[in-house]
Amino acid sequence: MGTGMARGAVVAEASRTNGGRAGGVHPPLQGEGRIAEGNPGWGDGCAEGNSDAVYAEPLSPPPGPPTRADLPPAEPRYSEGSATQQGDRSRQQPTSVGGGEELPNRALYRLMTWMSPAYPVGAFSYSGGLEWAVEAGDIRDAESLTGWLATMICRGSVSCDAAIFCHAHRAAVHGNNEALAATAELAAALAGSKERFLETTAQGQAFLQITEAAWATPVLDRLTAAWDGPLAYPVAVAAACAAHGIALVPALHAFLHGVASNLVSAGMRLIPLGQTDGQRVLAALEAPIVQTAQRALATALDDIGSATLRADIAGMRHETQYTRLFRS
């Protein structure tokens, strides 16, 4: 009995001196508290044997209600849209996030609207030849869909669209109507099949009409005045982004994400795939999209081209496919 009481006293004293945790009786669990800098420490064993490990201290009592002295100073009142207000906001806003340009709220809103699947350009009705590739057995599951789309993004029609997007955006920013018309002409000529031509020009014309009706801008008027031929989708989107002050890099990434999302959606309906597998495919395309965007920014207009013969053949064969759900 005396021995048990003595042991209890030792444990109680150890618990008091270690912030309520009995030393040597209940050591901290792996992942408890903070370990090395930059590591969340969720039970990965990184804290074991680490003399620099720091564990959480006992919680302090909750703070009382805030007083007026704790509140941040009130922002000065300006009339909406005043020069002083705009100057203060420009100083407060960061200039970059993650290595790209920071977009103003209005520009971000418009970019998200235009690249949304709900924007009525008819993108859901095109598969870019995926429908024939599925019937031919080239695409059977999530893995084969990922490989096919990654090749299209890095070496196929999507990579051409990315480079066209860059040149059209720059021409619109600098007001170079001649360069804008030359880019639009090349974009239409790069379509490798009848249905591919329909896919890019029908979406381009729909985007132009809807955007002019909702977000009219003189740049789109100059585009139609400089080029009266078939308008490819990346040219129309790039010109609208430039006209509304949306920087090239975020606009290009949003455009590529929108194109990839539409192709993944088509593949999910054709194979078919579940929603989770579809998101896995989209996640796997992140690196190819980033690489394609970086390469497109440095691609000269005369160097634009593709090397995906099987995908081009798929687009041609789809024209005579017996049963079709998609227009391309």
Protein backbone atom coordinates (compact mmCIF):
# COMPACT_ATOMS: atom_id res chain seq x y z
CA MET A 1 0.00 0.00 0.00
CA GLY A 2 2.81 2.41 0.91
CA THR A 3 4.63 1.63 -2.29
CA GLY A 4 1.50 2.43 -4.40
CA MET A 5 0.99 5.76 -2.66
CA ALA A 6 4.63 6.70 -3.24
CA ARG A 7 4.38 5.84 -6.94
CA GLY A 8 1.23 7.95 -7.23
CA ALA A 9 2.98 10.93 -5.66
CA VAL A 10 5.86 10.64 -8.14
CA VAL A 11 3.48 10.51 -11.11
CA ALA A 12 1.51 13.50 -9.83
CA GLU A 13 4.69 15.54 -9.36
CA ALA A 14 5.88 14.65 -12.90
CA SER A 15 2.50 15.62 -14.31
CA ARG A 16 2.61 19.00 -12.55
CA THR A 17 6.13 19.84 -13.73
CA ASN A 18 5.40 18.81 -17.37
CA GLY A 19 2.28 20.90 -17.91
CA GLY A 20 -0.21 18.16 -16.98
CA ARG A 21 1.52 15.34 -18.93
CA ALA A 22 3.13 12.65 -16.77
CA GLY A 23 6.79 12.45 -17.81
CA GLY A 24 7.86 8.98 -18.78
CA VAL A 25 4.30 7.64 -18.43
CA HIS A 26 2.55 9.19 -21.46
CA PRO A 27 5.10 10.52 -23.98
CA PRO A 28 3.76 12.78 -26.73
CA LEU A 29 2.29 11.00 -29.76
CA GLN A 30 4.01 11.23 -33.11
CA GLY A 31 2.70 14.27 -34.94
CA GLU A 32 1.53 16.00 -31.77
CA GLY A 33 2.53 19.64 -31.63
CA ARG A 34 4.92 21.28 -34.12
CA ILE A 35 8.06 19.60 -35.38
CA ALA A 36 10.51 20.82 -38.01
CA GLU A 37 9.79 24.00 -39.96
CA GLY A 38 7.69 23.40 -43.07
CA ASN A 39 6.44 19.97 -41.97
CA PRO A 40 2.91 19.65 -40.57
CA GLY A 41 3.93 16.59 -38.57
CA TRP A 42 0.82 14.48 -38.97
CA GLY A 43 2.21 11.26 -37.50
CA ASP A 44 4.89 10.71 -40.13
CA GLY A 45 7.56 9.87 -37.60
CA CYS A 46 9.64 12.94 -38.36
CA ALA A 47 9.71 13.97 -34.71
CA GLU A 48 11.14 10.68 -33.53
CA GLY A 49 14.77 11.05 -32.56
CA ASN A 50 14.72 14.77 -33.37
CA SER A 51 16.25 16.80 -30.56
CA ASP A 52 14.94 20.02 -32.14
CA ALA A 53 11.33 18.91 -31.94
CA VAL A 54 9.07 21.35 -30.15
CA TYR A 55 5.78 20.19 -28.68
CA ALA A 56 2.66 22.15 -28.00
CA GLU A 57 2.50 23.97 -24.71
CA PRO A 58 -0.63 23.99 -22.53
CA LEU A 59 -3.43 26.12 -23.89
CA SER A 60 -3.75 29.61 -22.48
CA PRO A 61 -7.16 30.81 -21.27
CA PRO A 62 -9.37 32.37 -23.96
CA PRO A 63 -9.01 36.13 -24.39
CA GLY A 64 -11.70 38.48 -23.20
CA PRO A 65 -13.96 40.53 -25.46
CA PRO A 66 -12.08 42.99 -27.73
CA THR A 67 -11.96 46.61 -26.80
CA ARG A 68 -11.92 49.63 -29.13
CA ALA A 69 -8.14 49.79 -28.79
CA ASP A 70 -7.89 46.25 -30.24
CA LEU A 71 -9.82 47.12 -33.41
CA PRO A 72 -8.00 48.20 -36.62
CA PRO A 73 -8.33 51.85 -37.61
CA ALA A 74 -11.28 52.67 -39.83
CA GLU A 75 -10.60 53.17 -43.54
CA PRO A 76 -10.93 56.74 -44.78
CA ARG A 77 -14.18 57.58 -46.53
CA TYR A 78 -13.84 58.43 -50.20
CA SER A 79 -16.37 58.86 -52.92
CA GLU A 80 -16.70 55.67 -55.00
CA GLY A 81 -14.22 55.61 -57.88
CA SER A 82 -12.25 58.67 -56.74
CA ALA A 83 -8.58 58.93 -57.68
CA THR A 84 -7.52 58.94 -54.00
CA GLN A 85 -9.47 55.76 -53.35
CA GLN A 86 -8.01 54.00 -56.38
CA GLY A 87 -4.49 55.04 -55.44
CA ASP A 88 -4.85 53.67 -51.91
CA ARG A 89 -6.27 50.40 -53.18
CA SER A 90 -3.45 49.96 -55.69
CA ARG A 91 -0.90 50.40 -52.91
CA GLN A 92 -2.68 47.88 -50.68
CA GLN A 93 -3.08 45.16 -53.32
CA PRO A 94 -0.20 42.71 -53.85
CA THR A 95 1.49 42.73 -57.22
CA SER A 96 1.82 38.98 -57.63
CA VAL A 97 0.59 35.69 -56.26
CA GLY A 98 2.50 32.48 -56.85
CA GLY A 99 4.68 34.03 -59.50
CA GLY A 100 1.82 35.37 -61.65
CA GLU A 101 0.01 38.67 -61.93
CA GLU A 102 -2.64 39.67 -59.41
CA LEU A 103 -5.97 40.36 -61.10
CA PRO A 104 -8.36 43.13 -60.05
CA ASN A 105 -11.69 41.86 -58.80
CA ARG A 106 -13.62 42.86 -61.92
CA ALA A 107 -11.09 41.28 -64.27
CA LEU A 108 -11.06 38.07 -62.24
CA TYR A 109 -14.86 37.97 -62.25
CA ARG A 110 -14.99 38.29 -66.04
CA LEU A 111 -12.27 35.71 -66.61
CA MET A 112 -14.06 33.19 -64.38
CA THR A 113 -17.33 33.91 -66.20
CA TRP A 114 -15.89 33.46 -69.68
CA MET A 115 -14.07 30.23 -68.82
CA SER A 116 -17.00 28.75 -66.94
CA PRO A 117 -18.77 25.72 -68.49
CA ALA A 118 -21.95 27.79 -68.15
CA TYR A 119 -20.74 30.37 -70.69
CA PRO A 120 -22.87 29.54 -73.74
CA VAL A 121 -20.31 28.83 -76.45
CA GLY A 122 -21.37 25.20 -76.94
CA ALA A 123 -18.12 23.63 -75.73
CA PHE A 124 -19.99 20.65 -74.24
CA SER A 125 -20.92 19.43 -77.73
CA TYR A 126 -17.30 18.89 -78.93
CA SER A 127 -14.91 16.07 -78.01
CA GLY A 128 -11.89 16.92 -80.16
CA GLY A 129 -11.89 13.42 -81.70
CA LEU A 130 -12.16 11.59 -78.36
CA GLU A 131 -15.40 9.92 -79.40
CA TRP A 132 -13.71 8.04 -82.24
CA ALA A 133 -10.66 7.25 -80.07
CA VAL A 134 -12.93 5.63 -77.49
CA GLU A 135 -14.73 3.57 -80.13
CA ALA A 136 -11.42 2.50 -81.68
CA GLY A 137 -10.12 1.35 -78.29
CA ASP A 138 -7.33 3.89 -78.00
CA ILE A 139 -8.97 5.31 -74.86
CA ARG A 140 -10.37 2.77 -72.40
CA ASP A 141 -9.90 4.11 -68.89
CA ALA A 142 -8.62 7.04 -66.84
CA GLU A 143 -4.97 6.20 -67.52
CA SER A 144 -5.32 6.09 -71.30
CA LEU A 145 -7.46 9.24 -71.26
CA THR A 146 -4.77 11.04 -69.27
CA GLY A 147 -2.05 10.00 -71.72
CA TRP A 148 -4.10 11.03 -74.74
CA LEU A 149 -5.02 14.45 -73.34
CA ALA A 150 -1.50 15.14 -72.05
CA THR A 151 -0.18 14.55 -75.57
CA MET A 152 -2.81 16.84 -77.09
CA ILE A 153 -1.96 19.54 -74.56
CA CYS A 154 1.81 19.30 -74.98
CA ARG A 155 2.16 18.42 -78.68
CA GLY A 156 -1.25 18.73 -80.31
CA SER A 157 -4.00 21.20 -81.12
CA VAL A 158 -4.18 22.52 -77.56
CA SER A 159 -0.52 23.55 -77.64
CA CYS A 160 -1.16 25.39 -80.92
CA ASP A 161 -4.13 27.18 -79.36
CA ALA A 162 -1.97 28.22 -76.40
CA ALA A 163 0.66 29.85 -78.64
CA ILE A 164 -2.06 31.50 -80.76
CA PHE A 165 -3.61 32.84 -77.56
CA CYS A 166 -0.33 34.51 -76.55
CA HIS A 167 0.18 36.22 -79.90
CA ALA A 168 -3.43 37.40 -80.12
CA HIS A 169 -3.32 38.80 -76.59
CA ARG A 170 -0.10 40.73 -77.22
CA ALA A 171 -1.37 42.10 -80.53
CA ALA A 172 -4.58 43.29 -78.88
CA VAL A 173 -2.71 44.91 -75.99
CA HIS A 174 -0.45 46.87 -78.35
CA GLY A 175 -3.28 47.75 -80.75
CA ASN A 176 -1.51 46.00 -83.63
CA ASN A 177 -4.44 45.16 -85.88
CA GLU A 178 -2.21 43.74 -88.61
CA ALA A 179 -0.61 41.25 -86.22
CA LEU A 180 -4.02 40.41 -84.76
CA ALA A 181 -5.40 39.64 -88.23
CA ALA A 182 -2.34 37.53 -89.12
CA THR A 183 -2.75 35.53 -85.91
CA ALA A 184 -6.46 34.99 -86.57
CA GLU A 185 -5.73 33.81 -90.11
CA LEU A 186 -3.09 31.32 -88.95
CA ALA A 187 -5.38 30.02 -86.18
CA ALA A 188 -8.09 29.17 -88.71
CA ALA A 189 -5.57 27.54 -91.05
CA LEU A 190 -4.16 25.30 -88.30
CA ALA A 191 -7.41 23.36 -87.96
CA GLY A 192 -6.51 19.84 -89.10
CA SER A 193 -9.96 18.61 -90.13
CA LYS A 194 -13.43 19.82 -91.04
CA GLU A 195 -14.85 19.17 -87.59
CA ARG A 196 -11.84 20.64 -85.83
CA PHE A 197 -12.37 23.78 -87.91
CA LEU A 198 -16.03 23.81 -86.90
CA GLU A 199 -15.11 23.29 -83.24
CA THR A 200 -12.80 26.29 -82.96
CA THR A 201 -14.66 28.72 -85.24
CA ALA A 202 -18.16 28.02 -83.93
CA GLN A 203 -17.01 28.57 -80.36
CA GLY A 204 -15.04 31.63 -81.39
CA GLN A 205 -18.01 33.22 -83.11
CA ALA A 206 -20.34 32.40 -80.21
CA PHE A 207 -17.87 33.84 -77.70
CA LEU A 208 -17.51 37.01 -79.75
CA GLN A 209 -21.25 37.61 -80.06
CA ILE A 210 -22.04 36.95 -76.40
CA THR A 211 -19.12 38.94 -75.05
CA GLU A 212 -19.86 41.91 -77.30
CA ALA A 213 -23.45 41.91 -76.05
CA ALA A 214 -22.55 41.70 -72.35
CA TRP A 215 -19.07 43.27 -72.15
CA ALA A 216 -18.73 45.49 -75.20
CA THR A 217 -15.25 46.82 -75.95
CA PRO A 218 -13.67 48.63 -78.94
CA VAL A 219 -10.96 45.94 -79.16
CA LEU A 220 -13.45 43.34 -80.34
CA ASP A 221 -14.75 45.82 -82.90
CA ARG A 222 -11.21 46.33 -84.17
CA LEU A 223 -10.73 42.57 -84.33
CA THR A 224 -13.77 42.06 -86.57
CA ALA A 225 -12.76 45.04 -88.70
CA ALA A 226 -9.22 43.72 -89.15
CA TRP A 227 -10.26 40.09 -89.77
CA ASP A 228 -13.59 39.23 -91.39
CA GLY A 229 -12.83 35.52 -91.83
CA PRO A 230 -13.65 32.59 -89.52
CA LEU A 231 -12.64 33.47 -85.98
CA ALA A 232 -10.89 30.80 -83.91
CA TYR A 233 -11.82 30.41 -80.26
CA PRO A 234 -8.40 31.25 -78.70
CA VAL A 235 -8.17 34.49 -80.72
CA ALA A 236 -11.59 35.69 -79.55
CA VAL A 237 -10.90 34.87 -75.90
CA ALA A 238 -7.41 36.40 -75.94
CA ALA A 239 -8.65 39.65 -77.51
CA ALA A 240 -11.44 39.97 -74.93
CA CYS A 241 -9.02 39.33 -72.05
CA ALA A 242 -6.58 41.94 -73.35
CA ALA A 243 -9.38 44.45 -73.82
CA HIS A 244 -10.56 44.08 -70.24
CA GLY A 245 -7.12 44.31 -68.64
CA ILE A 246 -6.69 40.61 -67.85
CA ALA A 247 -2.98 39.81 -67.86
CA LEU A 248 -1.63 37.23 -70.30
CA VAL A 249 -0.34 34.59 -67.87
CA PRO A 250 -3.48 34.09 -65.75
CA ALA A 251 -5.67 34.39 -68.84
CA LEU A 252 -3.65 31.70 -70.64
CA HIS A 253 -3.78 29.31 -67.69
CA ALA A 254 -7.53 29.82 -67.31
CA PHE A 255 -8.03 29.19 -71.02
CA LEU A 256 -6.02 25.96 -70.95
CA HIS A 257 -7.83 24.79 -67.82
CA GLY A 258 -11.17 25.42 -69.52
CA VAL A 259 -10.18 23.47 -72.62
CA ALA A 260 -8.81 20.56 -70.56
CA SER A 261 -11.91 20.48 -68.35
CA ASN A 262 -14.17 20.22 -71.38
CA LEU A 263 -12.13 17.36 -72.85
CA VAL A 264 -12.11 15.51 -69.52
CA SER A 265 -15.87 15.94 -69.28
CA ALA A 266 -16.30 14.48 -72.77
CA GLY A 267 -14.08 11.53 -71.86
CA MET A 268 -16.07 10.88 -68.69
CA ARG A 269 -19.29 10.61 -70.70
CA LEU A 270 -17.79 8.45 -73.45
CA ILE A 271 -15.74 5.82 -71.59
CA PRO A 272 -17.56 6.24 -69.10
CA LEU A 273 -15.72 7.40 -65.97
CA GLY A 274 -16.92 8.38 -62.52
CA GLN A 275 -16.60 11.86 -61.08
CA THR A 276 -13.63 10.95 -58.89
CA ASP A 277 -11.67 9.44 -61.78
CA GLY A 278 -12.45 12.52 -63.85
CA GLN A 279 -10.93 14.77 -61.21
CA ARG A 280 -7.88 12.50 -60.99
CA VAL A 281 -7.37 12.95 -64.73
CA LEU A 282 -7.73 16.73 -64.44
CA ALA A 283 -5.24 16.78 -61.56
CA ALA A 284 -2.75 14.77 -63.62
CA LEU A 285 -3.00 17.34 -66.42
CA GLU A 286 -1.81 20.19 -64.20
CA ALA A 287 1.88 19.69 -65.00
CA PRO A 288 1.35 19.39 -68.80
CA ILE A 289 -0.74 22.57 -68.75
CA VAL A 290 1.94 24.49 -66.85
CA GLN A 291 4.65 23.27 -69.25
CA THR A 292 2.56 24.11 -72.30
CA ALA A 293 1.83 27.59 -71.01
CA GLN A 294 5.51 28.28 -70.38
CA ARG A 295 6.47 27.05 -73.84
CA ALA A 296 3.65 28.97 -75.53
CA LEU A 297 4.85 32.25 -74.06
CA ALA A 298 8.17 31.83 -75.88
CA THR A 299 6.92 30.29 -79.15
CA ALA A 300 7.28 32.38 -82.30
CA LEU A 301 4.33 32.59 -84.65
CA ASP A 302 6.23 30.77 -87.41
CA ASP A 303 7.15 27.92 -85.03
CA ILE A 304 3.60 26.94 -84.10
CA GLY A 305 2.77 23.36 -85.08
CA SER A 306 1.63 19.98 -83.78
CA ALA A 307 2.81 16.37 -83.95
CA THR A 308 -0.20 14.29 -82.90
CA LEU A 309 -1.13 12.36 -86.04
CA ARG A 310 -3.34 9.85 -84.25
CA ALA A 311 -5.43 12.63 -82.71
CA ASP A 312 -5.71 14.34 -86.10
CA ILE A 313 -6.82 11.06 -87.68
CA ALA A 314 -9.38 10.63 -84.90
CA GLY A 315 -10.85 14.01 -85.77
CA MET A 316 -11.12 13.02 -89.44
CA ARG A 317 -12.56 9.56 -88.78
CA HIS A 318 -15.19 11.05 -86.51
CA GLU A 319 -16.74 12.77 -89.52
CA THR A 320 -17.97 9.40 -90.84
CA GLN A 321 -18.53 7.65 -87.50
CA TYR A 322 -21.90 5.89 -87.53
CA THR A 323 -23.11 6.72 -83.99
CA ARG A 324 -22.07 10.10 -82.60
CA LEU A 325 -22.90 12.08 -79.49
CA PHE A 326 -20.54 14.98 -80.22
CA ARG A 327 -19.99 17.33 -83.14
CA SER A 328 -16.25 16.58 -83.26
